């Protein structure tokens, strides 16, 4: 008999990620504006500044995943400060639209097979994600939602992981005991909230550029 009745997953960089490179998104956003192709070097410089600044304590403290409006405002401001508007006027808004579009996301190769294997074992499946926009359309498009029983998103609750209520909300929706729930994520700072409510946690290393995410290990734990 399994030790776990349910498995909860983080979403971004655990089950799904933005497809392609940030530079590709920038080029596509420029095309949406009807612009001629941008200089690749300038695009790379802008995206590097986005990446460098997006994970700083200052940016993380702006609460970008607490509401849809906040998510839009914080990210478009970041794109502007990184130089997107110097490449093309209006590019920040188009880039934001690209990053939240369902077609801009991809599943890791082992995401759906892992979820299918868990479902075949009778395991309940949930997602707890820090996100400022609705990720369900992307997951529906990728075939993930067919195996998911509940999705808890931070912007709906006005709080982010590691706040314990979001983890407990998922357990309540699945009608499972946290002690019999496994959480799978990739961030020890935020996903540690699962441990605080009595769950077991399995943290993945940083994803490789290509190939499976390593989710097969989850099935062996269940």
C-alpha atoms as a PDB file:
ATOM      1  CA  UNK A   1       0.000   0.000   0.000  1.00  0.00           C
ATOM      2  CA  UNK A   2       1.308   3.463  -0.916  1.00  0.00           C
ATOM      3  CA  UNK A   3       2.398   5.854   1.801  1.00  0.00           C
ATOM      4  CA  UNK A   4       0.783   8.703  -0.172  1.00  0.00           C
ATOM      5  CA  UNK A   5      -2.794   9.341  -1.211  1.00  0.00           C
ATOM      6  CA  UNK A   6      -1.941  12.445  -3.237  1.00  0.00           C
ATOM      7  CA  UNK A   7       0.914  14.209  -5.004  1.00  0.00           C
ATOM      8  CA  UNK A   8       1.039  17.983  -5.318  1.00  0.00           C
ATOM      9  CA  UNK A   9       3.290  19.599  -7.915  1.00  0.00           C
ATOM     10  CA  UNK A  10       4.748  23.018  -8.434  1.00  0.00           C
ATOM     11  CA  UNK A  11       4.112  24.144 -12.033  1.00  0.00           C
ATOM     12  CA  UNK A  12       6.820  26.386 -13.509  1.00  0.00           C
ATOM     13  CA  UNK A  13      10.128  24.556 -14.087  1.00  0.00           C
ATOM     14  CA  UNK A  14       8.621  21.431 -12.507  1.00  0.00           C
ATOM     15  CA  UNK A  15       5.887  20.413 -14.963  1.00  0.00           C
ATOM     16  CA  UNK A  16       6.032  23.202 -17.550  1.00  0.00           C
ATOM     17  CA  UNK A  17       8.339  25.962 -18.759  1.00  0.00           C
ATOM     18  CA  UNK A  18       8.464  28.691 -21.370  1.00  0.00           C
ATOM     19  CA  UNK A  19       9.198  27.127 -24.748  1.00  0.00           C
ATOM     20  CA  UNK A  20      12.357  28.217 -26.498  1.00  0.00           C
ATOM     21  CA  UNK A  21      14.530  31.105 -25.401  1.00  0.00           C
ATOM     22  CA  UNK A  22      13.623  34.523 -24.090  1.00  0.00           C
ATOM     23  CA  UNK A  23      15.268  35.996 -27.149  1.00  0.00           C
ATOM     24  CA  UNK A  24      12.832  34.044 -29.309  1.00  0.00           C
ATOM     25  CA  UNK A  25       9.914  35.508 -27.358  1.00  0.00           C
ATOM     26  CA  UNK A  26      11.298  39.005 -27.854  1.00  0.00           C
ATOM     27  CA  UNK A  27      11.655  38.484 -31.593  1.00  0.00           C
ATOM     28  CA  UNK A  28       8.101  37.160 -31.793  1.00  0.00           C
ATOM     29  CA  UNK A  29       6.787  40.079 -29.757  1.00  0.00           C
ATOM     30  CA  UNK A  30       8.500  42.473 -32.172  1.00  0.00           C
ATOM     31  CA  UNK A  31       6.898  40.632 -35.085  1.00  0.00           C
ATOM     32  CA  UNK A  32       3.520  41.105 -33.366  1.00  0.00           C
ATOM     33  CA  UNK A  33       4.195  44.851 -33.600  1.00  0.00           C
ATOM     34  CA  UNK A  34       4.941  44.537 -37.301  1.00  0.00           C
ATOM     35  CA  UNK A  35       8.596  45.409 -36.724  1.00  0.00           C
ATOM     36  CA  UNK A  36      11.495  44.443 -38.951  1.00  0.00           C
ATOM     37  CA  UNK A  37      13.803  41.825 -37.381  1.00  0.00           C
ATOM     38  CA  UNK A  38      15.638  43.185 -34.347  1.00  0.00           C
ATOM     39  CA  UNK A  39      19.389  43.077 -33.847  1.00  0.00           C
ATOM     40  CA  UNK A  40      20.140  39.691 -32.165  1.00  0.00           C
ATOM     41  CA  UNK A  41      22.878  41.147 -29.982  1.00  0.00           C
ATOM     42  CA  UNK A  42      20.644  43.899 -28.621  1.00  0.00           C
ATOM     43  CA  UNK A  43      17.848  41.407 -28.001  1.00  0.00           C
ATOM     44  CA  UNK A  44      20.225  39.112 -26.100  1.00  0.00           C
ATOM     45  CA  UNK A  45      21.403  42.035 -23.953  1.00  0.00           C
ATOM     46  CA  UNK A  46      17.821  42.986 -23.039  1.00  0.00           C
ATOM     47  CA  UNK A  47      16.864  39.440 -22.123  1.00  0.00           C
ATOM     48  CA  UNK A  48      20.003  39.001 -20.023  1.00  0.00           C
ATOM     49  CA  UNK A  49      19.029  42.088 -18.033  1.00  0.00           C
ATOM     50  CA  UNK A  50      15.530  40.661 -17.594  1.00  0.00           C
ATOM     51  CA  UNK A  51      16.931  37.394 -16.251  1.00  0.00           C
ATOM     52  CA  UNK A  52      19.493  39.093 -14.015  1.00  0.00           C
ATOM     53  CA  UNK A  53      16.935  41.401 -12.421  1.00  0.00           C
ATOM     54  CA  UNK A  54      13.923  39.095 -12.228  1.00  0.00           C
ATOM     55  CA  UNK A  55      15.393  36.916  -9.476  1.00  0.00           C
ATOM     56  CA  UNK A  56      16.717  39.717  -7.258  1.00  0.00           C
ATOM     57  CA  UNK A  57      15.303  40.230  -3.779  1.00  0.00           C
ATOM     58  CA  UNK A  58      14.047  43.672  -4.840  1.00  0.00           C
ATOM     59  CA  UNK A  59      11.983  42.261  -7.709  1.00  0.00           C
ATOM     60  CA  UNK A  60      10.738  39.278  -5.729  1.00  0.00           C
ATOM     61  CA  UNK A  61       9.496  41.617  -2.998  1.00  0.00           C
ATOM     62  CA  UNK A  62       7.157  43.435  -5.410  1.00  0.00           C
ATOM     63  CA  UNK A  63       4.466  40.774  -5.063  1.00  0.00           C
ATOM     64  CA  UNK A  64       4.162  40.032  -8.760  1.00  0.00           C
ATOM     65  CA  UNK A  65       2.336  36.745  -8.133  1.00  0.00           C
ATOM     66  CA  UNK A  66      -0.230  38.148  -5.698  1.00  0.00           C
ATOM     67  CA  UNK A  67      -2.699  39.395  -8.311  1.00  0.00           C
ATOM     68  CA  UNK A  68      -3.182  39.504 -12.058  1.00  0.00           C
ATOM     69  CA  UNK A  69      -2.844  43.300 -12.148  1.00  0.00           C
ATOM     70  CA  UNK A  70       0.323  43.212 -10.062  1.00  0.00           C
ATOM     71  CA  UNK A  71       1.810  40.507 -12.276  1.00  0.00           C
ATOM     72  CA  UNK A  72       1.196  42.588 -15.388  1.00  0.00           C
ATOM     73  CA  UNK A  73       2.489  45.822 -13.881  1.00  0.00           C
ATOM     74  CA  UNK A  74       5.657  44.375 -12.312  1.00  0.00           C
ATOM     75  CA  UNK A  75       6.708  42.381 -15.365  1.00  0.00           C
ATOM     76  CA  UNK A  76       6.038  45.106 -17.934  1.00  0.00           C
ATOM     77  CA  UNK A  77       7.951  47.588 -15.747  1.00  0.00           C
ATOM     78  CA  UNK A  78      10.837  45.117 -15.608  1.00  0.00           C
ATOM     79  CA  UNK A  79      10.829  44.725 -19.387  1.00  0.00           C
ATOM     80  CA  UNK A  80      10.881  48.498 -19.792  1.00  0.00           C
ATOM     81  CA  UNK A  81      13.732  48.944 -17.325  1.00  0.00           C
ATOM     82  CA  UNK A  82      15.688  46.212 -19.133  1.00  0.00           C
ATOM     83  CA  UNK A  83      15.492  48.192 -22.376  1.00  0.00           C
ATOM     84  CA  UNK A  84      12.625  46.643 -24.299  1.00  0.00           C
ATOM     85  CA  UNK A  85      11.160  50.027 -25.235  1.00  0.00           C
ATOM     86  CA  UNK A  86      14.522  51.104 -26.672  1.00  0.00           C
ATOM     87  CA  UNK A  87      14.237  48.199 -29.090  1.00  0.00           C
ATOM     88  CA  UNK A  88      10.666  49.038 -30.081  1.00  0.00           C
ATOM     89  CA  UNK A  89       7.918  51.175 -28.608  1.00  0.00           C
ATOM     90  CA  UNK A  90       5.201  48.958 -27.141  1.00  0.00           C
ATOM     91  CA  UNK A  91       7.458  45.898 -26.994  1.00  0.00           C
ATOM     92  CA  UNK A  92       7.049  45.474 -23.228  1.00  0.00           C
ATOM     93  CA  UNK A  93       3.304  44.940 -23.527  1.00  0.00           C
ATOM     94  CA  UNK A  94       3.667  42.573 -26.475  1.00  0.00           C
ATOM     95  CA  UNK A  95       6.366  40.591 -24.667  1.00  0.00           C
ATOM     96  CA  UNK A  96       4.142  40.262 -21.615  1.00  0.00           C
ATOM     97  CA  UNK A  97       1.274  39.026 -23.780  1.00  0.00           C
ATOM     98  CA  UNK A  98       3.605  36.457 -25.283  1.00  0.00           C
ATOM     99  CA  UNK A  99       4.842  35.157 -21.930  1.00  0.00           C
ATOM    100  CA  UNK A 100       1.355  34.553 -20.525  1.00  0.00           C
ATOM    101  CA  UNK A 101      -0.062  33.042 -23.734  1.00  0.00           C
ATOM    102  CA  UNK A 102      -0.889  29.328 -23.522  1.00  0.00           C
ATOM    103  CA  UNK A 103       1.035  28.545 -26.708  1.00  0.00           C
ATOM    104  CA  UNK A 104       4.263  29.938 -25.231  1.00  0.00           C
ATOM    105  CA  UNK A 105       4.565  27.083 -22.730  1.00  0.00           C
ATOM    106  CA  UNK A 106       5.758  23.505 -23.074  1.00  0.00           C
ATOM    107  CA  UNK A 107       5.619  20.432 -20.857  1.00  0.00           C
ATOM    108  CA  UNK A 108       8.722  18.462 -19.998  1.00  0.00           C
ATOM    109  CA  UNK A 109       8.833  15.149 -21.901  1.00  0.00           C
ATOM    110  CA  UNK A 110       8.150  13.129 -18.750  1.00  0.00           C
ATOM    111  CA  UNK A 111       5.359  15.340 -17.355  1.00  0.00           C
ATOM    112  CA  UNK A 112       2.302  13.686 -18.886  1.00  0.00           C
ATOM    113  CA  UNK A 113       3.682  10.115 -18.609  1.00  0.00           C
ATOM    114  CA  UNK A 114       4.345  10.692 -14.901  1.00  0.00           C
ATOM    115  CA  UNK A 115       0.890  12.117 -14.260  1.00  0.00           C
ATOM    116  CA  UNK A 116      -0.689   9.251 -16.189  1.00  0.00           C
ATOM    117  CA  UNK A 117       1.250   6.694 -14.142  1.00  0.00           C
ATOM    118  CA  UNK A 118       0.125   8.328 -10.897  1.00  0.00           C
ATOM    119  CA  UNK A 119      -3.480   8.423 -12.049  1.00  0.00           C
ATOM    120  CA  UNK A 120      -3.298   4.741 -13.006  1.00  0.00           C
ATOM    121  CA  UNK A 121      -2.290   4.009  -9.401  1.00  0.00           C
ATOM    122  CA  UNK A 122      -5.323   5.873  -8.099  1.00  0.00           C
ATOM    123  CA  UNK A 123      -3.270   8.774  -6.727  1.00  0.00           C
ATOM    124  CA  UNK A 124      -4.931  12.173  -6.457  1.00  0.00           C
ATOM    125  CA  UNK A 125      -3.022  14.966  -8.204  1.00  0.00           C
ATOM    126  CA  UNK A 126      -2.895  18.695  -7.503  1.00  0.00           C
ATOM    127  CA  UNK A 127      -0.849  21.731  -8.469  1.00  0.00           C
ATOM    128  CA  UNK A 128       0.227  24.570  -6.167  1.00  0.00           C
ATOM    129  CA  UNK A 129       1.779  27.393  -8.163  1.00  0.00           C
ATOM    130  CA  UNK A 130       3.093  30.871  -7.487  1.00  0.00           C
ATOM    131  CA  UNK A 131       1.674  32.627 -10.531  1.00  0.00           C
ATOM    132  CA  UNK A 132       0.076  35.939 -11.342  1.00  0.00           C
ATOM    133  CA  UNK A 133      -1.885  34.613 -14.305  1.00  0.00           C
ATOM    134  CA  UNK A 134      -4.071  31.599 -14.967  1.00  0.00           C
ATOM    135  CA  UNK A 135      -1.848  28.718 -16.044  1.00  0.00           C
ATOM    136  CA  UNK A 136      -4.732  26.327 -16.679  1.00  0.00           C
ATOM    137  CA  UNK A 137      -5.163  27.169 -20.384  1.00  0.00           C
ATOM    138  CA  UNK A 138      -1.511  26.309 -21.008  1.00  0.00           C
ATOM    139  CA  UNK A 139      -1.813  23.056 -19.077  1.00  0.00           C
ATOM    140  CA  UNK A 140      -5.056  22.202 -20.860  1.00  0.00           C
ATOM    141  CA  UNK A 141      -3.346  22.709 -24.205  1.00  0.00           C
ATOM    142  CA  UNK A 142      -0.464  20.461 -23.109  1.00  0.00           C
ATOM    143  CA  UNK A 143      -2.713  17.616 -21.975  1.00  0.00           C
ATOM    144  CA  UNK A 144      -1.916  18.061 -18.288  1.00  0.00           C
ATOM    145  CA  UNK A 145      -5.338  19.031 -16.961  1.00  0.00           C
ATOM    146  CA  UNK A 146      -6.788  15.640 -17.887  1.00  0.00           C
ATOM    147  CA  UNK A 147      -4.846  14.195 -14.930  1.00  0.00           C
ATOM    148  CA  UNK A 148      -5.135  17.052 -12.422  1.00  0.00           C
ATOM    149  CA  UNK A 149      -7.826  17.174  -9.734  1.00  0.00           C
ATOM    150  CA  UNK A 150      -7.188  20.677  -8.392  1.00  0.00           C
ATOM    151  CA  UNK A 151      -5.069  23.759  -9.148  1.00  0.00           C
ATOM    152  CA  UNK A 152      -4.226  26.316  -6.453  1.00  0.00           C
ATOM    153  CA  UNK A 153      -2.723  29.552  -7.811  1.00  0.00           C
ATOM    154  CA  UNK A 154      -1.228  32.242  -5.614  1.00  0.00           C
ATOM    155  CA  UNK A 155      -2.984  35.163  -7.304  1.00  0.00           C
ATOM    156  CA  UNK A 156      -6.358  33.662  -6.376  1.00  0.00           C
ATOM    157  CA  UNK A 157      -5.424  33.593  -2.695  1.00  0.00           C
ATOM    158  CA  UNK A 158      -3.347  36.767  -2.432  1.00  0.00           C
ATOM    159  CA  UNK A 159      -0.425  34.851  -0.960  1.00  0.00           C
ATOM    160  CA  UNK A 160       2.565  32.914  -2.243  1.00  0.00           C
ATOM    161  CA  UNK A 161       4.478  29.870  -1.096  1.00  0.00           C
ATOM    162  CA  UNK A 162       5.834  29.151   1.474  1.00  0.00           C
ATOM    163  CA  UNK A 163       2.607  30.446   3.074  1.00  0.00           C
ATOM    164  CA  UNK A 164       0.962  27.342   4.455  1.00  0.00           C
ATOM    165  CA  UNK A 165      -2.672  28.148   3.541  1.00  0.00           C
ATOM    166  CA  UNK A 166      -2.063  27.529  -0.166  1.00  0.00           C
ATOM    167  CA  UNK A 167      -0.770  24.019   0.545  1.00  0.00           C
ATOM    168  CA  UNK A 168      -3.647  23.318   2.896  1.00  0.00           C
ATOM    169  CA  UNK A 169      -6.140  24.624   0.324  1.00  0.00           C
ATOM    170  CA  UNK A 170      -4.950  21.966  -2.118  1.00  0.00           C
ATOM    171  CA  UNK A 171      -5.249  19.235   0.514  1.00  0.00           C
ATOM    172  CA  UNK A 172      -8.750  20.405   1.405  1.00  0.00           C
ATOM    173  CA  UNK A 173      -9.801  20.353  -2.251  1.00  0.00           C
ATOM    174  CA  UNK A 174      -8.470  16.796  -2.626  1.00  0.00           C
ATOM    175  CA  UNK A 175      -9.805  15.730   0.779  1.00  0.00           C
ATOM    176  CA  UNK A 176      -6.432  14.292   1.801  1.00  0.00           C
ATOM    177  CA  UNK A 177      -4.300  14.431   4.939  1.00  0.00           C
ATOM    178  CA  UNK A 178      -1.117  16.514   4.471  1.00  0.00           C
ATOM    179  CA  UNK A 179       0.799  13.733   6.200  1.00  0.00           C
ATOM    180  CA  UNK A 180      -0.189  11.401   3.359  1.00  0.00           C
ATOM    181  CA  UNK A 181       0.667  13.907   0.642  1.00  0.00           C
ATOM    182  CA  UNK A 182       3.908  14.272  -1.331  1.00  0.00           C
ATOM    183  CA  UNK A 183       4.915  17.675  -2.693  1.00  0.00           C
ATOM    184  CA  UNK A 184       7.178  17.915  -5.740  1.00  0.00           C
ATOM    185  CA  UNK A 185       8.918  21.183  -6.561  1.00  0.00           C
ATOM    186  CA  UNK A 186      12.258  22.807  -7.353  1.00  0.00           C
ATOM    187  CA  UNK A 187      12.632  25.743  -4.954  1.00  0.00           C
ATOM    188  CA  UNK A 188      13.736  24.985  -1.381  1.00  0.00           C
ATOM    189  CA  UNK A 189      12.752  28.459  -0.171  1.00  0.00           C
ATOM    190  CA  UNK A 190       9.143  28.500  -1.365  1.00  0.00           C
ATOM    191  CA  UNK A 191       8.317  24.814  -1.573  1.00  0.00           C
ATOM    192  CA  UNK A 192       9.472  24.277   2.012  1.00  0.00           C
ATOM    193  CA  UNK A 193       6.004  25.414   3.053  1.00  0.00           C
ATOM    194  CA  UNK A 194       4.868  21.882   2.270  1.00  0.00           C
ATOM    195  CA  UNK A 195       7.077  20.558   5.048  1.00  0.00           C
ATOM    196  CA  UNK A 196       5.655  23.100   7.479  1.00  0.00           C
ATOM    197  CA  UNK A 197       2.171  21.582   7.088  1.00  0.00           C
ATOM    198  CA  UNK A 198       3.420  18.021   7.525  1.00  0.00           C
ATOM    199  CA  UNK A 199       3.900  16.898   3.940  1.00  0.00           C
ATOM    200  CA  UNK A 200       6.872  15.022   2.586  1.00  0.00           C
ATOM    201  CA  UNK A 201       8.724  16.958  -0.116  1.00  0.00           C
ATOM    202  CA  UNK A 202      10.783  15.933  -3.128  1.00  0.00           C
ATOM    203  CA  UNK A 203      12.861  18.738  -4.673  1.00  0.00           C
ATOM    204  CA  UNK A 204      14.191  18.517  -8.202  1.00  0.00           C
ATOM    205  CA  UNK A 205      17.525  20.005  -9.348  1.00  0.00           C
ATOM    206  CA  UNK A 206      17.635  22.715 -11.998  1.00  0.00           C
ATOM    207  CA  UNK A 207      16.237  21.432 -15.299  1.00  0.00           C
ATOM    208  CA  UNK A 208      18.541  20.546 -18.162  1.00  0.00           C
ATOM    209  CA  UNK A 209      18.208  22.500 -21.392  1.00  0.00           C
ATOM    210  CA  UNK A 210      16.595  19.503 -23.064  1.00  0.00           C
ATOM    211  CA  UNK A 211      15.256  16.095 -22.108  1.00  0.00           C
ATOM    212  CA  UNK A 212      13.130  14.783 -19.236  1.00  0.00           C
ATOM    213  CA  UNK A 213      12.746  16.579 -15.926  1.00  0.00           C
ATOM    214  CA  UNK A 214      13.458  13.562 -13.712  1.00  0.00           C
ATOM    215  CA  UNK A 215       9.840  13.102 -12.702  1.00  0.00           C
ATOM    216  CA  UNK A 216      10.075   9.304 -13.016  1.00  0.00           C
ATOM    217  CA  UNK A 217      11.484   9.306  -9.490  1.00  0.00           C
ATOM    218  CA  UNK A 218       8.138  10.552  -8.214  1.00  0.00           C
ATOM    219  CA  UNK A 219       6.412   7.389  -9.388  1.00  0.00           C
ATOM    220  CA  UNK A 220       8.943   5.255  -7.533  1.00  0.00           C
ATOM    221  CA  UNK A 221       8.229   7.174  -4.320  1.00  0.00           C
ATOM    222  CA  UNK A 222       4.487   6.586  -4.632  1.00  0.00           C
END
